[in-house]
PDB file of all heavy atoms in Angstrom:
ATOM      1  N   ASN A   1     135.038 127.411  69.328  1.00  0.00           N
ATOM      2  CA  ASN A   1     135.112 127.104  67.880  1.00  0.00           C
ATOM      3  C   ASN A   1     134.109 126.012  67.533  1.00  0.00           C
ATOM      4  O   ASN A   1     133.459 126.053  66.430  1.00  0.00           O
ATOM      5  CB  ASN A   1     136.528 126.600  67.526  1.00  0.00           C
ATOM      6  CG  ASN A   1     137.431 127.821  67.383  1.00  0.00           C
ATOM      7  OD1 ASN A   1     137.221 128.745  66.624  1.00  0.00           O
ATOM      8  ND2 ASN A   1     138.496 127.849  68.185  1.00  0.00           N
ATOM      9  N   LEU A   2     133.918 125.065  68.439  1.00  0.00           N
ATOM     10  CA  LEU A   2     132.865 124.041  68.169  1.00  0.00           C
ATOM     11  C   LEU A   2     131.507 124.667  68.096  1.00  0.00           C
ATOM     12  O   LEU A   2     130.668 124.356  67.194  1.00  0.00           O
ATOM     13  CB  LEU A   2     132.903 123.035  69.228  1.00  0.00           C
ATOM     14  CG  LEU A   2     132.053 121.735  69.020  1.00  0.00           C
ATOM     15  CD1 LEU A   2     132.463 121.066  67.703  1.00  0.00           C
ATOM     16  CD2 LEU A   2     132.389 120.756  70.144  1.00  0.00           C
ATOM     17  N   GLY A   3     131.183 125.668  68.948  1.00  0.00           N
ATOM     18  CA  GLY A   3     129.974 126.544  68.868  1.00  0.00           C
ATOM     19  C   GLY A   3     129.838 127.176  67.595  1.00  0.00           C
ATOM     20  O   GLY A   3     128.686 127.165  66.994  1.00  0.00           O
ATOM     21  N   VAL A   4     130.854 127.766  67.082  1.00  0.00           N
ATOM     22  CA  VAL A   4     130.729 128.485  65.778  1.00  0.00           C
ATOM     23  C   VAL A   4     130.451 127.535  64.637  1.00  0.00           C
ATOM     24  O   VAL A   4     129.571 127.749  63.816  1.00  0.00           O
ATOM     25  CB  VAL A   4     132.091 129.275  65.521  1.00  0.00           C
ATOM     26  CG1 VAL A   4     132.113 129.782  64.057  1.00  0.00           C
ATOM     27  CG2 VAL A   4     132.261 130.378  66.528  1.00  0.00           C
ATOM     28  N   VAL A   5     131.139 126.327  64.595  1.00  0.00           N
ATOM     29  CA  VAL A   5     130.873 125.366  63.466  1.00  0.00           C
ATOM     30  C   VAL A   5     129.472 124.818  63.654  1.00  0.00           C
ATOM     31  O   VAL A   5     128.903 124.461  62.648  1.00  0.00           O
ATOM     32  CB  VAL A   5     131.973 124.298  63.302  1.00  0.00           C
ATOM     33  CG1 VAL A   5     133.280 124.984  62.988  1.00  0.00           C
ATOM     34  CG2 VAL A   5     132.138 123.426  64.467  1.00  0.00           C
ATOM     35  N   MET A   6     129.032 124.636  64.857  1.00  0.00           N
ATOM     36  CA  MET A   6     127.683 124.063  65.059  1.00  0.00           C
ATOM     37  C   MET A   6     126.639 125.131  64.456  1.00  0.00           C
ATOM     38  O   MET A   6     125.691 124.744  63.794  1.00  0.00           O
ATOM     39  CB  MET A   6     127.323 123.785  66.557  1.00  0.00           C
ATOM     40  CG  MET A   6     128.119 122.638  67.119  1.00  0.00           C
ATOM     41  SD  MET A   6     127.350 121.111  66.756  1.00  0.00           S
ATOM     42  CE  MET A   6     128.221 119.989  67.810  1.00  0.00           C
ATOM     43  N   ALA A   7     126.768 126.414  64.825  1.00  0.00           N
ATOM     44  CA  ALA A   7     126.004 127.451  64.389  1.00  0.00           C
ATOM     45  C   ALA A   7     126.019 127.553  62.879  1.00  0.00           C
ATOM     46  O   ALA A   7     124.993 127.833  62.159  1.00  0.00           O
ATOM     47  CB  ALA A   7     126.367 128.780  65.073  1.00  0.00           C
ATOM     48  N   GLN A   8     127.175 127.395  62.255  1.00  0.00           N
ATOM     49  CA  GLN A   8     127.303 127.474  60.831  1.00  0.00           C
ATOM     50  C   GLN A   8     126.579 126.361  60.071  1.00  0.00           C
ATOM     51  O   GLN A   8     126.252 126.460  58.981  1.00  0.00           O
ATOM     52  CB  GLN A   8     128.824 127.439  60.427  1.00  0.00           C
ATOM     53  CG  GLN A   8     129.501 128.757  60.727  1.00  0.00           C
ATOM     54  CD  GLN A   8     131.066 128.643  60.583  1.00  0.00           C
ATOM     55  OE1 GLN A   8     131.690 127.551  60.456  1.00  0.00           O
ATOM     56  NE2 GLN A   8     131.731 129.826  60.444  1.00  0.00           N
ATOM     57  N   ALA A   9     126.377 125.305  60.848  1.00  0.00           N
ATOM     58  CA  ALA A   9     125.565 124.120  60.355  1.00  0.00           C
ATOM     59  C   ALA A   9     124.069 124.314  60.515  1.00  0.00           C
ATOM     60  O   ALA A   9     123.331 123.405  60.497  1.00  0.00           O
ATOM     61  CB  ALA A   9     126.032 122.820  60.907  1.00  0.00           C
ATOM     62  N   ASP A  10     123.708 125.566  60.848  1.00  0.00           N
ATOM     63  CA  ASP A  10     122.281 125.918  61.024  1.00  0.00           C
ATOM     64  C   ASP A  10     121.726 125.245  62.275  1.00  0.00           C
ATOM     65  O   ASP A  10     120.521 124.966  62.275  1.00  0.00           O
ATOM     66  CB  ASP A  10     121.445 125.632  59.844  1.00  0.00           C
ATOM     67  CG  ASP A  10     121.669 126.581  58.649  1.00  0.00           C
ATOM     68  OD1 ASP A  10     122.108 127.764  59.033  1.00  0.00           O
ATOM     69  OD2 ASP A  10     121.600 126.223  57.549  1.00  0.00           O
ATOM     70  N   LEU A  11     122.517 124.913  63.207  1.00  0.00           N
ATOM     71  CA  LEU A  11     122.031 124.385  64.596  1.00  0.00           C
ATOM     72  C   LEU A  11     121.939 125.516  65.463  1.00  0.00           C
ATOM     73  O   LEU A  11     122.937 126.356  65.634  1.00  0.00           O
ATOM     74  CB  LEU A  11     122.953 123.348  65.062  1.00  0.00           C
ATOM     75  CG  LEU A  11     123.090 122.097  64.256  1.00  0.00           C
ATOM     76  CD1 LEU A  11     124.247 121.200  64.684  1.00  0.00           C
ATOM     77  CD2 LEU A  11     121.742 121.274  64.272  1.00  0.00           C
ATOM     78  N   CYS A  12     120.782 125.770  66.103  1.00  0.00           N
ATOM     79  CA  CYS A  12     120.647 126.718  67.132  1.00  0.00           C
ATOM     80  C   CYS A  12     121.566 126.269  68.287  1.00  0.00           C
ATOM     81  O   CYS A  12     121.247 125.257  68.903  1.00  0.00           O
ATOM     82  CB  CYS A  12     119.171 126.872  67.556  1.00  0.00           C
ATOM     83  SG  CYS A  12     118.911 128.079  68.866  1.00  0.00           S
ATOM     84  N   THR A  13     122.467 127.111  68.593  1.00  0.00           N
ATOM     85  CA  THR A  13     123.557 126.683  69.591  1.00  0.00           C
ATOM     86  C   THR A  13     123.737 127.662  70.801  1.00  0.00           C
ATOM     87  O   THR A  13     123.728 128.909  70.490  1.00  0.00           O
ATOM     88  CB  THR A  13     124.945 126.601  68.868  1.00  0.00           C
ATOM     89  OG1 THR A  13     124.774 125.679  67.691  1.00  0.00           O
ATOM     90  CG2 THR A  13     125.978 126.002  69.737  1.00  0.00           C
ATOM     91  N   ILE A  14     123.824 127.113  71.919  1.00  0.00           N
ATOM     92  CA  ILE A  14     124.205 128.026  73.031  1.00  0.00           C
ATOM     93  C   ILE A  14     125.421 127.437  73.759  1.00  0.00           C
ATOM     94  O   ILE A  14     125.545 126.209  73.938  1.00  0.00           O
ATOM     95  CB  ILE A  14     123.044 127.907  74.117  1.00  0.00           C
ATOM     96  CG1 ILE A  14     121.700 128.482  73.482  1.00  0.00           C
ATOM     97  CG2 ILE A  14     123.382 128.704  75.379  1.00  0.00           C
ATOM     98  CD1 ILE A  14     120.478 128.323  74.404  1.00  0.00           C
ATOM     99  N   ILE A  15     126.373 128.287  74.048  1.00  0.00           N
ATOM    100  CA  ILE A  15     127.559 127.955  74.844  1.00  0.00           C
ATOM    101  C   ILE A  15     127.270 128.437  76.249  1.00  0.00           C
ATOM    102  O   ILE A  15     126.857 129.594  76.500  1.00  0.00           O
ATOM    103  CB  ILE A  15     128.795 128.630  74.309  1.00  0.00           C
ATOM    104  CG1 ILE A  15     129.113 128.100  72.941  1.00  0.00           C
ATOM    105  CG2 ILE A  15     129.939 128.413  75.295  1.00  0.00           C
ATOM    106  CD1 ILE A  15     130.300 128.790  72.238  1.00  0.00           C
ATOM    107  N   VAL A  16     127.441 127.569  77.218  1.00  0.00           N
ATOM    108  CA  VAL A  16     127.253 127.922  78.649  1.00  0.00           C
ATOM    109  C   VAL A  16     128.599 127.817  79.271  1.00  0.00           C
ATOM    110  O   VAL A  16     129.213 126.714  79.311  1.00  0.00           O
ATOM    111  CB  VAL A  16     126.248 126.940  79.276  1.00  0.00           C
ATOM    112  CG1 VAL A  16     126.005 127.392  80.718  1.00  0.00           C
ATOM    113  CG2 VAL A  16     124.935 126.959  78.527  1.00  0.00           C
ATOM    114  N   ASP A  17     129.090 128.816  79.985  1.00  0.00           N
ATOM    115  CA  ASP A  17     130.367 128.847  80.655  1.00  0.00           C
ATOM    116  C   ASP A  17     130.089 128.357  82.067  1.00  0.00           C
ATOM    117  O   ASP A  17     129.810 129.131  82.963  1.00  0.00           O
ATOM    118  CB  ASP A  17     131.025 130.173  80.666  1.00  0.00           C
ATOM    119  CG  ASP A  17     132.578 130.046  81.021  1.00  0.00           C
ATOM    120  OD1 ASP A  17     132.964 129.068  81.504  1.00  0.00           O
ATOM    121  OD2 ASP A  17     133.284 131.025  80.628  1.00  0.00           O
ATOM    122  N   THR A  18     130.354 127.015  82.269  1.00  0.00           N
ATOM    123  CA  THR A  18     130.155 126.455  83.614  1.00  0.00           C
ATOM    124  C   THR A  18     131.540 126.255  84.361  1.00  0.00           C
ATOM    125  O   THR A  18     131.639 125.514  85.292  1.00  0.00           O
ATOM    126  CB  THR A  18     129.427 125.088  83.498  1.00  0.00           C
ATOM    127  OG1 THR A  18     130.126 124.231  82.573  1.00  0.00           O
ATOM    128  CG2 THR A  18     127.978 125.274  83.233  1.00  0.00           C
ATOM    129  N   ASP A  19     132.564 127.003  83.849  1.00  0.00           N
ATOM    130  CA  ASP A  19     133.742 127.015  84.584  1.00  0.00           C
ATOM    131  C   ASP A  19     133.550 128.219  85.577  1.00  0.00           C
ATOM    132  O   ASP A  19     133.796 129.358  85.236  1.00  0.00           O
ATOM    133  CB  ASP A  19     135.006 127.293  83.675  1.00  0.00           C
ATOM    134  CG  ASP A  19     136.324 127.213  84.392  1.00  0.00           C
ATOM    135  OD1 ASP A  19     136.313 127.379  85.604  1.00  0.00           O
ATOM    136  OD2 ASP A  19     137.369 126.931  83.793  1.00  0.00           O
ATOM    137  N   LEU A  20     133.090 127.817  86.699  1.00  0.00           N
ATOM    138  CA  LEU A  20     132.761 128.828  87.754  1.00  0.00           C
ATOM    139  C   LEU A  20     133.960 129.183  88.698  1.00  0.00           C
ATOM    140  O   LEU A  20     133.762 129.811  89.738  1.00  0.00           O
ATOM    141  CB  LEU A  20     131.600 128.374  88.667  1.00  0.00           C
ATOM    142  CG  LEU A  20     130.302 128.022  87.879  1.00  0.00           C
ATOM    143  CD1 LEU A  20     129.228 127.643  88.828  1.00  0.00           C
ATOM    144  CD2 LEU A  20     129.876 129.142  86.999  1.00  0.00           C
ATOM    145  N   ARG A  21     135.125 128.835  88.178  1.00  0.00           N
ATOM    146  CA  ARG A  21     136.421 129.175  88.911  1.00  0.00           C
ATOM    147  C   ARG A  21     137.275 130.145  88.078  1.00  0.00           C
ATOM    148  O   ARG A  21     137.756 131.077  88.586  1.00  0.00           O
ATOM    149  CB  ARG A  21     137.184 127.866  89.253  1.00  0.00           C
ATOM    150  CG  ARG A  21     136.406 127.041  90.230  1.00  0.00           C
ATOM    151  CD  ARG A  21     136.985 125.686  90.391  1.00  0.00           C
ATOM    152  NE  ARG A  21     136.073 124.761  91.156  1.00  0.00           N
ATOM    153  CZ  ARG A  21     136.124 124.607  92.469  1.00  0.00           C
ATOM    154  NH1 ARG A  21     136.981 125.265  93.191  1.00  0.00           N
ATOM    155  NH2 ARG A  21     135.276 123.761  93.022  1.00  0.00           N
ATOM    156  N   GLN A  22     137.454 129.778  86.779  1.00  0.00           N
ATOM    157  CA  GLN A  22     138.272 130.631  85.853  1.00  0.00           C
ATOM    158  C   GLN A  22     137.537 130.702  84.562  1.00  0.00           C
ATOM    159  O   GLN A  22     137.983 130.087  83.539  1.00  0.00           O
ATOM    160  CB  GLN A  22     139.693 130.042  85.748  1.00  0.00           C
ATOM    161  CG  GLN A  22     140.463 130.161  87.064  1.00  0.00           C
ATOM    162  CD  GLN A  22     141.858 129.730  86.822  1.00  0.00           C
ATOM    163  OE1 GLN A  22     142.200 128.856  85.925  1.00  0.00           O
ATOM    164  NE2 GLN A  22     142.737 130.220  87.625  1.00  0.00           N
ATOM    165  N   PRO A  23     136.431 131.398  84.519  1.00  0.00           N
ATOM    166  CA  PRO A  23     135.660 131.488  83.226  1.00  0.00           C
ATOM    167  C   PRO A  23     136.458 132.167  82.068  1.00  0.00           C
ATOM    168  O   PRO A  23     137.249 133.088  82.394  1.00  0.00           O
ATOM    169  CB  PRO A  23     134.418 132.230  83.673  1.00  0.00           C
ATOM    170  CG  PRO A  23     134.793 133.042  84.796  1.00  0.00           C
ATOM    171  CD  PRO A  23     135.869 132.195  85.550  1.00  0.00           C
ATOM    172  N   THR A  24     136.182 131.716  80.865  1.00  0.00           N
ATOM    173  CA  THR A  24     136.954 132.255  79.742  1.00  0.00           C
ATOM    174  C   THR A  24     136.069 132.672  78.602  1.00  0.00           C
ATOM    175  O   THR A  24     136.440 133.577  77.806  1.00  0.00           O
ATOM    176  CB  THR A  24     137.907 131.159  79.204  1.00  0.00           C
ATOM    177  OG1 THR A  24     138.722 130.768  80.391  1.00  0.00           O
ATOM    178  CG2 THR A  24     138.842 131.716  78.176  1.00  0.00           C
ATOM    179  N   GLN A  25     134.888 132.083  78.498  1.00  0.00           N
ATOM    180  CA  GLN A  25     134.093 132.359  77.227  1.00  0.00           C
ATOM    181  C   GLN A  25     133.736 133.839  77.105  1.00  0.00           C
ATOM    182  O   GLN A  25     133.757 134.332  75.925  1.00  0.00           O
ATOM    183  CB  GLN A  25     132.696 131.581  77.312  1.00  0.00           C
ATOM    184  CG  GLN A  25     132.994 130.073  77.150  1.00  0.00           C
ATOM    185  CD  GLN A  25     133.630 129.684  75.884  1.00  0.00           C
ATOM    186  OE1 GLN A  25     133.431 130.206  74.780  1.00  0.00           O
ATOM    187  NE2 GLN A  25     134.471 128.571  75.919  1.00  0.00           N
ATOM    188  N   HIS A  26     133.531 134.574  78.124  1.00  0.00           N
ATOM    189  CA  HIS A  26     133.317 136.060  78.021  1.00  0.00           C
ATOM    190  C   HIS A  26     134.478 136.733  77.469  1.00  0.00           C
ATOM    191  O   HIS A  26     134.256 137.724  76.653  1.00  0.00           O
ATOM    192  CB  HIS A  26     132.852 136.693  79.331  1.00  0.00           C
ATOM    193  CG  HIS A  26     133.908 136.697  80.324  1.00  0.00           C
ATOM    194  ND1 HIS A  26     134.363 135.617  81.045  1.00  0.00           N
ATOM    195  CD2 HIS A  26     134.626 137.696  80.795  1.00  0.00           C
ATOM    196  CE1 HIS A  26     135.286 135.932  81.852  1.00  0.00           C
ATOM    197  NE2 HIS A  26     135.551 137.278  81.718  1.00  0.00           N
ATOM    198  N   LYS A  27     135.641 136.307  77.635  1.00  0.00           N
ATOM    199  CA  LYS A  27     136.817 136.898  77.088  1.00  0.00           C
ATOM    200  C   LYS A  27     136.954 136.608  75.637  1.00  0.00           C
ATOM    201  O   LYS A  27     137.294 137.427  74.810  1.00  0.00           O
ATOM    202  CB  LYS A  27     138.090 136.445  77.875  1.00  0.00           C
ATOM    203  CG  LYS A  27     138.126 136.891  79.263  1.00  0.00           C
ATOM    204  CD  LYS A  27     139.361 136.294  79.993  1.00  0.00           C
ATOM    205  CE  LYS A  27     139.355 136.677  81.539  1.00  0.00           C
ATOM    206  NZ  LYS A  27     140.435 135.973  82.233  1.00  0.00           N
ATOM    207  N   ILE A  28     136.715 135.292  75.276  1.00  0.00           N
ATOM    208  CA  ILE A  28     136.774 134.918  73.905  1.00  0.00           C
ATOM    209  C   ILE A  28     135.786 135.720  73.008  1.00  0.00           C
ATOM    210  O   ILE A  28     136.236 136.130  71.973  1.00  0.00           O
ATOM    211  CB  ILE A  28     136.558 133.394  73.764  1.00  0.00           C
ATOM    212  CG1 ILE A  28     137.625 132.583  74.387  1.00  0.00           C
ATOM    213  CG2 ILE A  28     136.302 132.920  72.347  1.00  0.00           C
ATOM    214  CD1 ILE A  28     137.387 131.068  74.567  1.00  0.00           C
ATOM    215  N   PHE A  29     134.573 135.893  73.494  1.00  0.00           N
ATOM    216  CA  PHE A  29     133.577 136.523  72.694  1.00  0.00           C
ATOM    217  C   PHE A  29     133.481 138.054  72.954  1.00  0.00           C
ATOM    218  O   PHE A  29     132.599 138.767  72.461  1.00  0.00           O
ATOM    219  CB  PHE A  29     132.175 135.927  72.866  1.00  0.00           C
ATOM    220  CG  PHE A  29     132.160 134.547  72.218  1.00  0.00           C
ATOM    221  CD1 PHE A  29     132.260 133.382  73.000  1.00  0.00           C
ATOM    222  CD2 PHE A  29     132.021 134.425  70.885  1.00  0.00           C
ATOM    223  CE1 PHE A  29     132.201 132.085  72.313  1.00  0.00           C
ATOM    224  CE2 PHE A  29     131.880 133.287  70.234  1.00  0.00           C
ATOM    225  CZ  PHE A  29     132.060 131.985  70.963  1.00  0.00           C
ATOM    226  N   ARG A  30     134.341 138.519  73.957  1.00  0.00           N
ATOM    227  CA  ARG A  30     134.469 139.913  74.281  1.00  0.00           C
ATOM    228  C   ARG A  30     133.069 140.506  74.717  1.00  0.00           C
ATOM    229  O   ARG A  30     132.610 141.479  74.114  1.00  0.00           O
ATOM    230  CB  ARG A  30     135.079 140.708  73.102  1.00  0.00           C
ATOM    231  CG  ARG A  30     136.415 140.216  72.799  1.00  0.00           C
ATOM    232  CD  ARG A  30     137.027 141.083  71.706  1.00  0.00           C
ATOM    233  NE  ARG A  30     138.418 140.588  71.439  1.00  0.00           N
ATOM    234  CZ  ARG A  30     138.994 140.580  70.340  1.00  0.00           C
ATOM    235  NH1 ARG A  30     138.376 141.151  69.213  1.00  0.00           N
ATOM    236  NH2 ARG A  30     140.242 140.160  70.086  1.00  0.00           N
ATOM    237  N   VAL A  31     132.485 139.894  75.771  1.00  0.00           N
ATOM    238  CA  VAL A  31     131.275 140.300  76.290  1.00  0.00           C
ATOM    239  C   VAL A  31     131.426 140.492  77.843  1.00  0.00           C
ATOM    240  O   VAL A  31     132.315 139.800  78.427  1.00  0.00           O
ATOM    241  CB  VAL A  31     130.083 139.454  76.000  1.00  0.00           C
ATOM    242  CG1 VAL A  31     129.856 139.266  74.499  1.00  0.00           C
ATOM    243  CG2 VAL A  31     130.277 138.063  76.552  1.00  0.00           C
ATOM    244  N   PRO A  32     130.571 141.243  78.496  1.00  0.00           N
ATOM    245  CA  PRO A  32     130.665 141.345  79.906  1.00  0.00           C
ATOM    246  C   PRO A  32     130.307 139.991  80.605  1.00  0.00           C
ATOM    247  O   PRO A  32     129.588 139.234  80.103  1.00  0.00           O
ATOM    248  CB  PRO A  32     129.652 142.443  80.291  1.00  0.00           C
ATOM    249  CG  PRO A  32     129.159 143.031  79.015  1.00  0.00           C
ATOM    250  CD  PRO A  32     129.524 142.133  77.812  1.00  0.00           C
ATOM    251  N   ASN A  33     130.839 139.867  81.840  1.00  0.00           N
ATOM    252  CA  ASN A  33     130.538 138.731  82.651  1.00  0.00           C
ATOM    253  C   ASN A  33     129.815 139.148  84.019  1.00  0.00           C
ATOM    254  O   ASN A  33     130.148 138.527  84.981  1.00  0.00           O
ATOM    255  CB  ASN A  33     131.859 137.918  82.906  1.00  0.00           C
ATOM    256  CG  ASN A  33     131.507 136.537  83.548  1.00  0.00           C
ATOM    257  OD1 ASN A  33     130.430 135.989  83.390  1.00  0.00           O
ATOM    258  ND2 ASN A  33     132.458 136.086  84.251  1.00  0.00           N
ATOM    259  N   SER A  34     128.967 140.117  83.909  1.00  0.00           N
ATOM    260  CA  SER A  34     128.367 140.521  85.125  1.00  0.00           C
ATOM    261  C   SER A  34     127.254 139.705  85.690  1.00  0.00           C
ATOM    262  O   SER A  34     126.938 139.668  86.809  1.00  0.00           O
ATOM    263  CB  SER A  34     127.820 141.978  84.894  1.00  0.00           C
ATOM    264  OG  SER A  34     126.922 141.938  83.751  1.00  0.00           O
ATOM    265  N   SER A  35     126.597 138.887  84.814  1.00  0.00           N
ATOM    266  CA  SER A  35     125.599 137.958  85.214  1.00  0.00           C
ATOM    267  C   SER A  35     125.655 136.674  84.342  1.00  0.00           C
ATOM    268  O   SER A  35     126.298 136.723  83.236  1.00  0.00           O
ATOM    269  CB  SER A  35     124.246 138.595  85.191  1.00  0.00           C
ATOM    270  OG  SER A  35     123.872 138.918  83.806  1.00  0.00           O
ATOM    271  N   GLY A  36     125.061 135.620  84.702  1.00  0.00           N
ATOM    272  CA  GLY A  36     125.059 134.413  83.941  1.00  0.00           C
ATOM    273  C   GLY A  36     124.536 133.228  84.665  1.00  0.00           C
ATOM    274  O   GLY A  36     123.511 133.185  85.310  1.00  0.00           O
ATOM    275  N   VAL A  37     125.309 132.092  84.604  1.00  0.00           N
ATOM    276  CA  VAL A  37     124.903 130.811  85.071  1.00  0.00           C
ATOM    277  C   VAL A  37     124.599 130.877  86.652  1.00  0.00           C
ATOM    278  O   VAL A  37     123.582 130.361  87.053  1.00  0.00           O
ATOM    279  CB  VAL A  37     126.064 129.725  84.880  1.00  0.00           C
ATOM    280  CG1 VAL A  37     125.664 128.496  85.654  1.00  0.00           C
ATOM    281  CG2 VAL A  37     126.156 129.513  83.396  1.00  0.00           C
ATOM    282  N   THR A  38     125.509 131.642  87.374  1.00  0.00           N
ATOM    283  CA  THR A  38     125.249 131.646  88.807  1.00  0.00           C
ATOM    284  C   THR A  38     123.866 132.379  89.137  1.00  0.00           C
ATOM    285  O   THR A  38     123.240 131.981  90.061  1.00  0.00           O
ATOM    286  CB  THR A  38     126.448 132.332  89.542  1.00  0.00           C
ATOM    287  OG1 THR A  38     126.665 133.607  88.895  1.00  0.00           O
ATOM    288  CG2 THR A  38     127.639 131.487  89.508  1.00  0.00           C
ATOM    289  N   ASP A  39     123.582 133.376  88.275  1.00  0.00           N
ATOM    290  CA  ASP A  39     122.308 134.022  88.559  1.00  0.00           C
ATOM    291  C   ASP A  39     121.105 133.088  88.308  1.00  0.00           C
ATOM    292  O   ASP A  39     120.174 133.072  88.991  1.00  0.00           O
ATOM    293  CB  ASP A  39     122.208 135.196  87.651  1.00  0.00           C
ATOM    294  CG  ASP A  39     123.237 136.294  88.005  1.00  0.00           C
ATOM    295  OD1 ASP A  39     123.046 137.058  88.917  1.00  0.00           O
ATOM    296  OD2 ASP A  39     124.318 136.331  87.318  1.00  0.00           O
ATOM    297  N   LEU A  40     121.276 132.274  87.259  1.00  0.00           N
ATOM    298  CA  LEU A  40     120.176 131.306  86.958  1.00  0.00           C
ATOM    299  C   LEU A  40     120.073 130.200  88.057  1.00  0.00           C
ATOM    300  O   LEU A  40     119.038 129.709  88.278  1.00  0.00           O
ATOM    301  CB  LEU A  40     120.499 130.661  85.535  1.00  0.00           C
ATOM    302  CG  LEU A  40     120.362 131.584  84.394  1.00  0.00           C
ATOM    303  CD1 LEU A  40     120.879 130.805  83.067  1.00  0.00           C
ATOM    304  CD2 LEU A  40     118.885 131.877  84.191  1.00  0.00           C
ATOM    305  N   LEU A  41     121.165 129.871  88.692  1.00  0.00           N
ATOM    306  CA  LEU A  41     121.139 128.819  89.671  1.00  0.00           C
ATOM    307  C   LEU A  41     120.705 129.431  91.019  1.00  0.00           C
ATOM    308  O   LEU A  41     120.008 128.619  91.823  1.00  0.00           O
ATOM    309  CB  LEU A  41     122.552 128.163  89.807  1.00  0.00           C
ATOM    310  CG  LEU A  41     123.045 127.363  88.630  1.00  0.00           C
ATOM    311  CD1 LEU A  41     124.421 126.805  88.762  1.00  0.00           C
ATOM    312  CD2 LEU A  41     122.054 126.284  88.262  1.00  0.00           C
TER     313      LEU A  41
END
C-alpha cells in the first residue's frame, strides 16, 4: 500500500520482496514468482 501511494504521488517506485523465506508481494500483486531478487544476486 505504501508503494501504491508513493506511485500515486508521481514517484517512480519499485517494491523489492527481500523476504526470501516467505515472500508475499507476488501474491498481493498476483504475478508469478519464478525469478527475482535471488536471480539478481
